[in-house]
Amino acid sequence: MDPRPESPPTAVPSTPKAASRFSRRAWTWSAVGAVVTLGMLAGMVRVERTARGPVLLHLGEWVDVPAPAAGRVMSVDVGLTEPVKAGQVVARLETASGEAEVVAPLEAKVGRVAVRKGAQVEAGQPVVALMNRDVMPSLYALFPEDFRSELAPGMTLEFQMPGMPQPLDAVIEQVEGPEASLQFAKAQGRDGAYPKGAVLVRSHVPDRTYERDGKTRVYQDGEWGRVQVKLGTQRLLVSWFPGLRDALP
């Protein structure tokens, strides 16, 4: 005779109503277990984070010529498209300490005149903007403000202009501050797309031409394209399970 006690039989619902409750309860616990298991697996998945935005290409580089001090514009001494030399006076100001000259930092052409005679300007405010054609075509990319802390000079930037068969790589050279970024977005009529602010990233294309359909093509001045920067990986759905953050490798 086997001395081991017999296992109690599994309780079986004795009525259809009880059986229904038992079935619903079992299904609920199965669903909960599946969700928890899926969440734990998802929490360990790493996904690539990418910043995307529009990019403007210019066949040259814009160089702002700022006011050296706050004051009133006495004269604007250059006109649109006028060539200027390095050291040439482009405007004169009346400041608290006397007359001040606004001087071109390099030889170029005047691409924008931002002030008029009699206007009040702040220190650092652009008076004119020069277009320097002696450099590679420039890229001006806009990203949402949320990515500011993750964008930095030296990172790889992928850009693609209309008609290009595939993206090309460039290197981020400068990340502008909030004020300069917003001024650029406003000047391009795109500030409405960035309610939290924009991040302006500057770069240059690696060559003056690119290949398409076996032929050499040139870039078009003032053309808009798309750009992206890969920021690294992120743990997927970690915010659903905060306790997993420290447990994940």
C-alpha atoms as a PDB file:
ATOM      1  CA  MET A   1       0.000   0.000   0.000  1.00  0.00           C
ATOM      2  CA  ASP A   2       1.383   3.442  -1.054  1.00  0.00           C
ATOM      3  CA  PRO A   3       1.865   5.536   2.136  1.00  0.00           C
ATOM      4  CA  ARG A   4       1.999   8.882   0.182  1.00  0.00           C
ATOM      5  CA  PRO A   5      -1.133  10.993   0.561  1.00  0.00           C
ATOM      6  CA  GLU A   6      -3.158  11.433  -2.524  1.00  0.00           C
ATOM      7  CA  SER A   7      -3.128  14.907  -4.180  1.00  0.00           C
ATOM      8  CA  PRO A   8      -6.428  16.667  -3.789  1.00  0.00           C
ATOM      9  CA  PRO A   9      -8.381  16.720  -7.015  1.00  0.00           C
ATOM     10  CA  THR A  10      -8.523  19.983  -8.953  1.00  0.00           C
ATOM     11  CA  ALA A  11     -11.649  21.873  -8.115  1.00  0.00           C
ATOM     12  CA  VAL A  12     -14.054  21.814 -11.009  1.00  0.00           C
ATOM     13  CA  PRO A  13     -16.887  24.334 -11.100  1.00  0.00           C
ATOM     14  CA  SER A  14     -20.119  22.560 -10.396  1.00  0.00           C
ATOM     15  CA  THR A  15     -22.427  24.960 -12.282  1.00  0.00           C
ATOM     16  CA  PRO A  16     -22.308  26.712 -15.688  1.00  0.00           C
ATOM     17  CA  LYS A  17     -22.247  30.112 -13.940  1.00  0.00           C
ATOM     18  CA  ALA A  18     -19.293  29.128 -11.764  1.00  0.00           C
ATOM     19  CA  ALA A  19     -17.532  27.662 -14.799  1.00  0.00           C
ATOM     20  CA  SER A  20     -17.964  30.952 -16.640  1.00  0.00           C
ATOM     21  CA  ARG A  21     -16.462  32.922 -13.736  1.00  0.00           C
ATOM     22  CA  PHE A  22     -13.554  30.475 -13.574  1.00  0.00           C
ATOM     23  CA  SER A  23     -12.932  30.852 -17.329  1.00  0.00           C
ATOM     24  CA  ARG A  24     -12.975  34.677 -17.183  1.00  0.00           C
ATOM     25  CA  ARG A  25     -10.624  34.694 -14.191  1.00  0.00           C
ATOM     26  CA  ALA A  26      -8.180  32.355 -15.940  1.00  0.00           C
ATOM     27  CA  TRP A  27      -8.267  34.448 -19.129  1.00  0.00           C
ATOM     28  CA  THR A  28      -7.642  37.649 -17.159  1.00  0.00           C
ATOM     29  CA  TRP A  29      -4.576  36.262 -15.429  1.00  0.00           C
ATOM     30  CA  SER A  30      -3.264  34.900 -18.737  1.00  0.00           C
ATOM     31  CA  ALA A  31      -3.672  38.330 -20.353  1.00  0.00           C
ATOM     32  CA  VAL A  32      -1.939  40.071 -17.451  1.00  0.00           C
ATOM     33  CA  GLY A  33       0.955  37.629 -17.648  1.00  0.00           C
ATOM     34  CA  ALA A  34       1.278  38.150 -21.393  1.00  0.00           C
ATOM     35  CA  VAL A  35       1.337  41.949 -21.030  1.00  0.00           C
ATOM     36  CA  VAL A  36       3.970  41.840 -18.271  1.00  0.00           C
ATOM     37  CA  THR A  37       6.128  39.419 -20.272  1.00  0.00           C
ATOM     38  CA  LEU A  38       5.828  41.549 -23.418  1.00  0.00           C
ATOM     39  CA  GLY A  39       6.659  44.701 -21.452  1.00  0.00           C
ATOM     40  CA  MET A  40       9.755  43.131 -19.934  1.00  0.00           C
ATOM     41  CA  LEU A  41      10.945  41.952 -23.346  1.00  0.00           C
ATOM     42  CA  ALA A  42      10.213  45.341 -24.926  1.00  0.00           C
ATOM     43  CA  GLY A  43      12.040  47.101 -22.121  1.00  0.00           C
ATOM     44  CA  MET A  44      15.213  45.315 -23.154  1.00  0.00           C
ATOM     45  CA  VAL A  45      14.964  46.316 -26.835  1.00  0.00           C
ATOM     46  CA  ARG A  46      17.227  49.168 -27.932  1.00  0.00           C
ATOM     47  CA  VAL A  47      16.054  51.411 -30.797  1.00  0.00           C
ATOM     48  CA  GLU A  48      17.933  53.966 -32.867  1.00  0.00           C
ATOM     49  CA  ARG A  49      17.036  57.605 -32.124  1.00  0.00           C
ATOM     50  CA  THR A  50      17.199  60.026 -35.038  1.00  0.00           C
ATOM     51  CA  ALA A  51      16.723  63.788 -35.316  1.00  0.00           C
ATOM     52  CA  ARG A  52      15.124  64.837 -38.614  1.00  0.00           C
ATOM     53  CA  GLY A  53      14.361  68.173 -40.197  1.00  0.00           C
ATOM     54  CA  PRO A  54      14.546  70.381 -43.299  1.00  0.00           C
ATOM     55  CA  VAL A  55      17.830  71.680 -44.681  1.00  0.00           C
ATOM     56  CA  LEU A  56      18.558  74.743 -46.826  1.00  0.00           C
ATOM     57  CA  LEU A  57      21.508  74.740 -49.229  1.00  0.00           C
ATOM     58  CA  HIS A  58      23.353  77.877 -50.316  1.00  0.00           C
ATOM     59  CA  LEU A  59      26.188  78.077 -52.836  1.00  0.00           C
ATOM     60  CA  GLY A  60      28.326  79.923 -50.329  1.00  0.00           C
ATOM     61  CA  GLU A  61      28.151  80.958 -46.701  1.00  0.00           C
ATOM     62  CA  TRP A  62      26.211  83.724 -44.970  1.00  0.00           C
ATOM     63  CA  VAL A  63      28.317  85.871 -42.665  1.00  0.00           C
ATOM     64  CA  ASP A  64      26.460  88.294 -40.378  1.00  0.00           C
ATOM     65  CA  VAL A  65      28.127  91.645 -39.671  1.00  0.00           C
ATOM     66  CA  PRO A  66      26.913  92.673 -36.184  1.00  0.00           C
ATOM     67  CA  ALA A  67      26.680  96.054 -34.487  1.00  0.00           C
ATOM     68  CA  PRO A  68      29.652  96.494 -32.115  1.00  0.00           C
ATOM     69  CA  ALA A  69      27.469  98.385 -29.603  1.00  0.00           C
ATOM     70  CA  ALA A  70      23.896  99.525 -29.052  1.00  0.00           C
ATOM     71  CA  GLY A  71      22.945 102.755 -30.780  1.00  0.00           C
ATOM     72  CA  ARG A  72      21.198 104.512 -33.667  1.00  0.00           C
ATOM     73  CA  VAL A  73      22.054 103.864 -37.321  1.00  0.00           C
ATOM     74  CA  MET A  74      23.527 107.071 -38.761  1.00  0.00           C
ATOM     75  CA  SER A  75      24.152 105.649 -42.242  1.00  0.00           C
ATOM     76  CA  VAL A  76      24.156 102.422 -44.240  1.00  0.00           C
ATOM     77  CA  ASP A  77      27.087 102.693 -46.645  1.00  0.00           C
ATOM     78  CA  VAL A  78      26.571  99.625 -48.853  1.00  0.00           C
ATOM     79  CA  GLY A  79      23.755  98.271 -50.993  1.00  0.00           C
ATOM     80  CA  LEU A  80      22.389  94.854 -51.870  1.00  0.00           C
ATOM     81  CA  THR A  81      24.741  92.706 -54.038  1.00  0.00           C
ATOM     82  CA  GLU A  82      27.514  95.301 -53.669  1.00  0.00           C
ATOM     83  CA  PRO A  83      31.015  93.798 -53.342  1.00  0.00           C
ATOM     84  CA  VAL A  84      32.926  94.786 -50.211  1.00  0.00           C
ATOM     85  CA  LYS A  85      36.499  94.297 -49.059  1.00  0.00           C
ATOM     86  CA  ALA A  86      37.755  93.146 -45.686  1.00  0.00           C
ATOM     87  CA  GLY A  87      37.849  96.129 -43.332  1.00  0.00           C
ATOM     88  CA  GLN A  88      35.408  98.222 -45.368  1.00  0.00           C
ATOM     89  CA  VAL A  89      32.846 100.265 -43.395  1.00  0.00           C
ATOM     90  CA  VAL A  90      29.329  99.048 -44.160  1.00  0.00           C
ATOM     91  CA  ALA A  91      27.439 101.253 -41.653  1.00  0.00           C
ATOM     92  CA  ARG A  92      27.952 103.902 -38.973  1.00  0.00           C
ATOM     93  CA  LEU A  93      26.274 104.095 -35.578  1.00  0.00           C
ATOM     94  CA  GLU A  94      25.741 106.756 -32.962  1.00  0.00           C
ATOM     95  CA  THR A  95      26.359 105.130 -29.580  1.00  0.00           C
ATOM     96  CA  ALA A  96      26.582 106.291 -25.962  1.00  0.00           C
ATOM     97  CA  SER A  97      30.374 106.512 -26.305  1.00  0.00           C
ATOM     98  CA  GLY A  98      30.390 108.247 -29.690  1.00  0.00           C
ATOM     99  CA  GLU A  99      30.400 107.227 -33.337  1.00  0.00           C
ATOM    100  CA  ALA A 100      31.090 103.565 -34.119  1.00  0.00           C
ATOM    101  CA  GLU A 101      31.810 101.865 -37.431  1.00  0.00           C
ATOM    102  CA  VAL A 102      30.449  98.516 -38.580  1.00  0.00           C
ATOM    103  CA  VAL A 103      33.206  96.822 -40.578  1.00  0.00           C
ATOM    104  CA  ALA A 104      33.110  93.904 -43.037  1.00  0.00           C
ATOM    105  CA  PRO A 105      35.243  90.989 -41.746  1.00  0.00           C
ATOM    106  CA  LEU A 106      36.051  89.598 -45.209  1.00  0.00           C
ATOM    107  CA  GLU A 107      35.818  90.214 -48.942  1.00  0.00           C
ATOM    108  CA  ALA A 108      32.365  89.202 -50.169  1.00  0.00           C
ATOM    109  CA  LYS A 109      29.080  90.505 -51.578  1.00  0.00           C
ATOM    110  CA  VAL A 110      26.269  92.086 -49.573  1.00  0.00           C
ATOM    111  CA  GLY A 111      23.458  89.564 -49.493  1.00  0.00           C
ATOM    112  CA  ARG A 112      21.108  91.277 -47.013  1.00  0.00           C
ATOM    113  CA  VAL A 113      20.748  94.724 -45.489  1.00  0.00           C
ATOM    114  CA  ALA A 114      18.995  94.274 -42.152  1.00  0.00           C
ATOM    115  CA  VAL A 115      18.650  97.894 -40.926  1.00  0.00           C
ATOM    116  CA  ARG A 116      17.772 101.365 -42.150  1.00  0.00           C
ATOM    117  CA  LYS A 117      19.068 104.805 -41.313  1.00  0.00           C
ATOM    118  CA  GLY A 118      17.592 105.995 -38.008  1.00  0.00           C
ATOM    119  CA  ALA A 119      16.895 102.499 -36.676  1.00  0.00           C
ATOM    120  CA  GLN A 120      17.875 101.534 -33.142  1.00  0.00           C
ATOM    121  CA  VAL A 121      20.081  98.442 -32.864  1.00  0.00           C
ATOM    122  CA  GLU A 122      21.370  96.332 -29.990  1.00  0.00           C
ATOM    123  CA  ALA A 123      24.958  95.175 -29.541  1.00  0.00           C
ATOM    124  CA  GLY A 124      25.471  92.041 -31.634  1.00  0.00           C
ATOM    125  CA  GLN A 125      22.412  92.627 -33.829  1.00  0.00           C
ATOM    126  CA  PRO A 126      23.130  91.885 -37.531  1.00  0.00           C
ATOM    127  CA  VAL A 127      23.400  95.059 -39.606  1.00  0.00           C
ATOM    128  CA  VAL A 128      24.177  93.451 -42.957  1.00  0.00           C
ATOM    129  CA  ALA A 129      24.847  89.878 -44.076  1.00  0.00           C
ATOM    130  CA  LEU A 130      27.566  88.985 -46.566  1.00  0.00           C
ATOM    131  CA  MET A 131      27.559  86.027 -48.921  1.00  0.00           C
ATOM    132  CA  ASN A 132      30.982  84.406 -49.134  1.00  0.00           C
ATOM    133  CA  ARG A 133      31.211  82.345 -52.329  1.00  0.00           C
ATOM    134  CA  ASP A 134      34.774  81.176 -51.721  1.00  0.00           C
ATOM    135  CA  VAL A 135      33.696  78.208 -49.611  1.00  0.00           C
ATOM    136  CA  MET A 136      31.910  74.939 -50.237  1.00  0.00           C
ATOM    137  CA  PRO A 137      28.090  75.090 -50.480  1.00  0.00           C
ATOM    138  CA  SER A 138      26.607  75.495 -47.014  1.00  0.00           C
ATOM    139  CA  LEU A 139      23.908  73.494 -45.259  1.00  0.00           C
ATOM    140  CA  TYR A 140      21.512  75.110 -42.752  1.00  0.00           C
ATOM    141  CA  ALA A 141      19.495  72.413 -40.974  1.00  0.00           C
ATOM    142  CA  LEU A 142      16.632  72.978 -38.535  1.00  0.00           C
ATOM    143  CA  PHE A 143      15.706  70.561 -35.749  1.00  0.00           C
ATOM    144  CA  PRO A 144      13.200  70.738 -32.858  1.00  0.00           C
ATOM    145  CA  GLU A 145      14.516  72.285 -29.633  1.00  0.00           C
ATOM    146  CA  ASP A 146      14.127  68.920 -27.862  1.00  0.00           C
ATOM    147  CA  PHE A 147      17.311  67.695 -29.600  1.00  0.00           C
ATOM    148  CA  ARG A 148      19.548  70.635 -28.604  1.00  0.00           C
ATOM    149  CA  SER A 149      21.450  68.827 -25.834  1.00  0.00           C
ATOM    150  CA  GLU A 150      22.217  65.868 -28.129  1.00  0.00           C
ATOM    151  CA  LEU A 151      23.529  67.735 -31.182  1.00  0.00           C
ATOM    152  CA  ALA A 152      27.197  68.705 -31.271  1.00  0.00           C
ATOM    153  CA  PRO A 153      29.976  69.618 -33.712  1.00  0.00           C
ATOM    154  CA  GLY A 154      31.726  66.598 -35.195  1.00  0.00           C
ATOM    155  CA  MET A 155      28.591  64.454 -35.491  1.00  0.00           C
ATOM    156  CA  THR A 156      27.668  62.968 -38.868  1.00  0.00           C
ATOM    157  CA  LEU A 157      24.788  64.600 -40.692  1.00  0.00           C
ATOM    158  CA  GLU A 158      23.002  62.847 -43.595  1.00  0.00           C
ATOM    159  CA  PHE A 159      21.427  65.181 -46.157  1.00  0.00           C
ATOM    160  CA  GLN A 160      19.454  64.573 -49.330  1.00  0.00           C
ATOM    161  CA  MET A 161      18.410  67.245 -51.812  1.00  0.00           C
ATOM    162  CA  PRO A 162      15.691  66.827 -54.487  1.00  0.00           C
ATOM    163  CA  GLY A 163      16.936  64.645 -57.312  1.00  0.00           C
ATOM    164  CA  MET A 164      19.742  63.055 -55.313  1.00  0.00           C
ATOM    165  CA  PRO A 165      19.573  59.237 -55.586  1.00  0.00           C
ATOM    166  CA  GLN A 166      20.752  58.689 -52.005  1.00  0.00           C
ATOM    167  CA  PRO A 167      21.782  60.702 -48.941  1.00  0.00           C
ATOM    168  CA  LEU A 168      25.305  62.025 -48.535  1.00  0.00           C
ATOM    169  CA  ASP A 169      27.277  62.574 -45.338  1.00  0.00           C
ATOM    170  CA  ALA A 170      28.500  65.874 -43.957  1.00  0.00           C
ATOM    171  CA  VAL A 171      29.911  66.903 -40.579  1.00  0.00           C
ATOM    172  CA  ILE A 172      28.185  69.251 -38.120  1.00  0.00           C
ATOM    173  CA  GLU A 173      30.404  72.310 -37.743  1.00  0.00           C
ATOM    174  CA  GLN A 174      28.305  74.566 -35.539  1.00  0.00           C
ATOM    175  CA  VAL A 175      25.154  74.384 -33.410  1.00  0.00           C
ATOM    176  CA  GLU A 176      23.610  77.850 -33.048  1.00  0.00           C
ATOM    177  CA  GLY A 177      22.050  79.164 -29.853  1.00  0.00           C
ATOM    178  CA  PRO A 178      18.299  79.549 -29.299  1.00  0.00           C
ATOM    179  CA  GLU A 179      18.087  83.212 -30.406  1.00  0.00           C
ATOM    180  CA  ALA A 180      20.084  82.810 -33.625  1.00  0.00           C
ATOM    181  CA  SER A 181      18.192  79.604 -34.428  1.00  0.00           C
ATOM    182  CA  LEU A 182      14.817  81.291 -33.994  1.00  0.00           C
ATOM    183  CA  GLN A 183      15.871  84.292 -36.094  1.00  0.00           C
ATOM    184  CA  PHE A 184      16.867  81.956 -38.924  1.00  0.00           C
ATOM    185  CA  ALA A 185      13.593  80.006 -38.674  1.00  0.00           C
ATOM    186  CA  LYS A 186      11.611  83.268 -38.782  1.00  0.00           C
ATOM    187  CA  ALA A 187      13.573  84.566 -41.764  1.00  0.00           C
ATOM    188  CA  GLN A 188      12.725  81.361 -43.644  1.00  0.00           C
ATOM    189  CA  GLY A 189       9.069  81.423 -42.568  1.00  0.00           C
ATOM    190  CA  ARG A 190       9.389  78.157 -40.661  1.00  0.00           C
ATOM    191  CA  ASP A 191       9.164  79.330 -37.053  1.00  0.00           C
ATOM    192  CA  GLY A 192       5.540  78.137 -36.850  1.00  0.00           C
ATOM    193  CA  ALA A 193       6.749  74.557 -37.146  1.00  0.00           C
ATOM    194  CA  TYR A 194       8.809  74.892 -33.949  1.00  0.00           C
ATOM    195  CA  PRO A 195       6.534  76.018 -31.096  1.00  0.00           C
ATOM    196  CA  LYS A 196       9.155  75.025 -28.493  1.00  0.00           C
ATOM    197  CA  GLY A 197      12.019  76.602 -30.412  1.00  0.00           C
ATOM    198  CA  ALA A 198      14.401  75.493 -33.132  1.00  0.00           C
ATOM    199  CA  VAL A 199      17.998  74.343 -33.324  1.00  0.00           C
ATOM    200  CA  LEU A 200      20.000  75.631 -36.297  1.00  0.00           C
ATOM    201  CA  VAL A 201      22.883  73.385 -37.336  1.00  0.00           C
ATOM    202  CA  ARG A 202      25.501  74.561 -39.847  1.00  0.00           C
ATOM    203  CA  SER A 203      27.619  72.408 -42.122  1.00  0.00           C
ATOM    204  CA  HIS A 204      29.177  72.271 -45.611  1.00  0.00           C
ATOM    205  CA  VAL A 205      28.743  69.693 -48.349  1.00  0.00           C
ATOM    206  CA  PRO A 206      31.826  67.497 -48.975  1.00  0.00           C
ATOM    207  CA  ASP A 207      32.090  68.460 -52.666  1.00  0.00           C
ATOM    208  CA  ARG A 208      30.674  71.034 -55.066  1.00  0.00           C
ATOM    209  CA  THR A 209      29.041  68.320 -57.211  1.00  0.00           C
ATOM    210  CA  TYR A 210      27.385  64.915 -56.833  1.00  0.00           C
ATOM    211  CA  GLU A 211      26.635  61.961 -59.126  1.00  0.00           C
ATOM    212  CA  ARG A 212      23.196  61.116 -60.529  1.00  0.00           C
ATOM    213  CA  ASP A 213      22.361  58.765 -63.396  1.00  0.00           C
ATOM    214  CA  GLY A 214      26.051  58.454 -64.166  1.00  0.00           C
ATOM    215  CA  LYS A 215      26.452  62.216 -64.644  1.00  0.00           C
ATOM    216  CA  THR A 216      27.954  64.950 -62.524  1.00  0.00           C
ATOM    217  CA  ARG A 217      25.344  67.327 -61.103  1.00  0.00           C
ATOM    218  CA  VAL A 218      25.684  70.677 -59.366  1.00  0.00           C
ATOM    219  CA  TYR A 219      23.730  71.891 -56.343  1.00  0.00           C
ATOM    220  CA  GLN A 220      21.005  74.500 -56.710  1.00  0.00           C
ATOM    221  CA  ASP A 221      21.253  77.667 -54.636  1.00  0.00           C
ATOM    222  CA  GLY A 222      18.398  78.146 -52.155  1.00  0.00           C
ATOM    223  CA  GLU A 223      17.104  74.583 -52.512  1.00  0.00           C
ATOM    224  CA  TRP A 224      15.425  72.777 -49.580  1.00  0.00           C
ATOM    225  CA  GLY A 225      16.009  69.127 -48.760  1.00  0.00           C
ATOM    226  CA  ARG A 226      15.840  66.731 -45.831  1.00  0.00           C
ATOM    227  CA  VAL A 227      18.436  65.948 -43.194  1.00  0.00           C
ATOM    228  CA  GLN A 228      18.875  63.536 -40.300  1.00  0.00           C
ATOM    229  CA  VAL A 229      21.352  62.920 -37.488  1.00  0.00           C
ATOM    230  CA  LYS A 230      21.575  59.568 -35.707  1.00  0.00           C
ATOM    231  CA  LEU A 231      21.724  60.247 -31.976  1.00  0.00           C
ATOM    232  CA  GLY A 232      22.343  56.738 -30.637  1.00  0.00           C
ATOM    233  CA  THR A 233      20.135  54.074 -29.075  1.00  0.00           C
ATOM    234  CA  GLN A 234      17.321  54.234 -26.541  1.00  0.00           C
ATOM    235  CA  ARG A 235      15.644  51.594 -24.368  1.00  0.00           C
ATOM    236  CA  LEU A 236      12.170  51.026 -25.784  1.00  0.00           C
ATOM    237  CA  LEU A 237       9.168  51.444 -23.460  1.00  0.00           C
ATOM    238  CA  VAL A 238      11.311  51.880 -20.337  1.00  0.00           C
ATOM    239  CA  SER A 239       8.933  54.643 -19.257  1.00  0.00           C
ATOM    240  CA  TRP A 240       6.182  52.005 -18.878  1.00  0.00           C
ATOM    241  CA  PHE A 241       8.313  50.082 -16.375  1.00  0.00           C
ATOM    242  CA  PRO A 242      10.533  52.579 -14.495  1.00  0.00           C
ATOM    243  CA  GLY A 243      12.061  49.827 -12.373  1.00  0.00           C
ATOM    244  CA  LEU A 244      13.652  48.239 -15.412  1.00  0.00           C
ATOM    245  CA  ARG A 245      15.916  51.265 -16.094  1.00  0.00           C
ATOM    246  CA  ASP A 246      18.573  50.174 -13.590  1.00  0.00           C
ATOM    247  CA  ALA A 247      18.174  46.482 -14.300  1.00  0.00           C
ATOM    248  CA  LEU A 248      18.895  46.707 -18.020  1.00  0.00           C
ATOM    249  CA  PRO A 249      22.516  46.274 -19.179  1.00  0.00           C
END
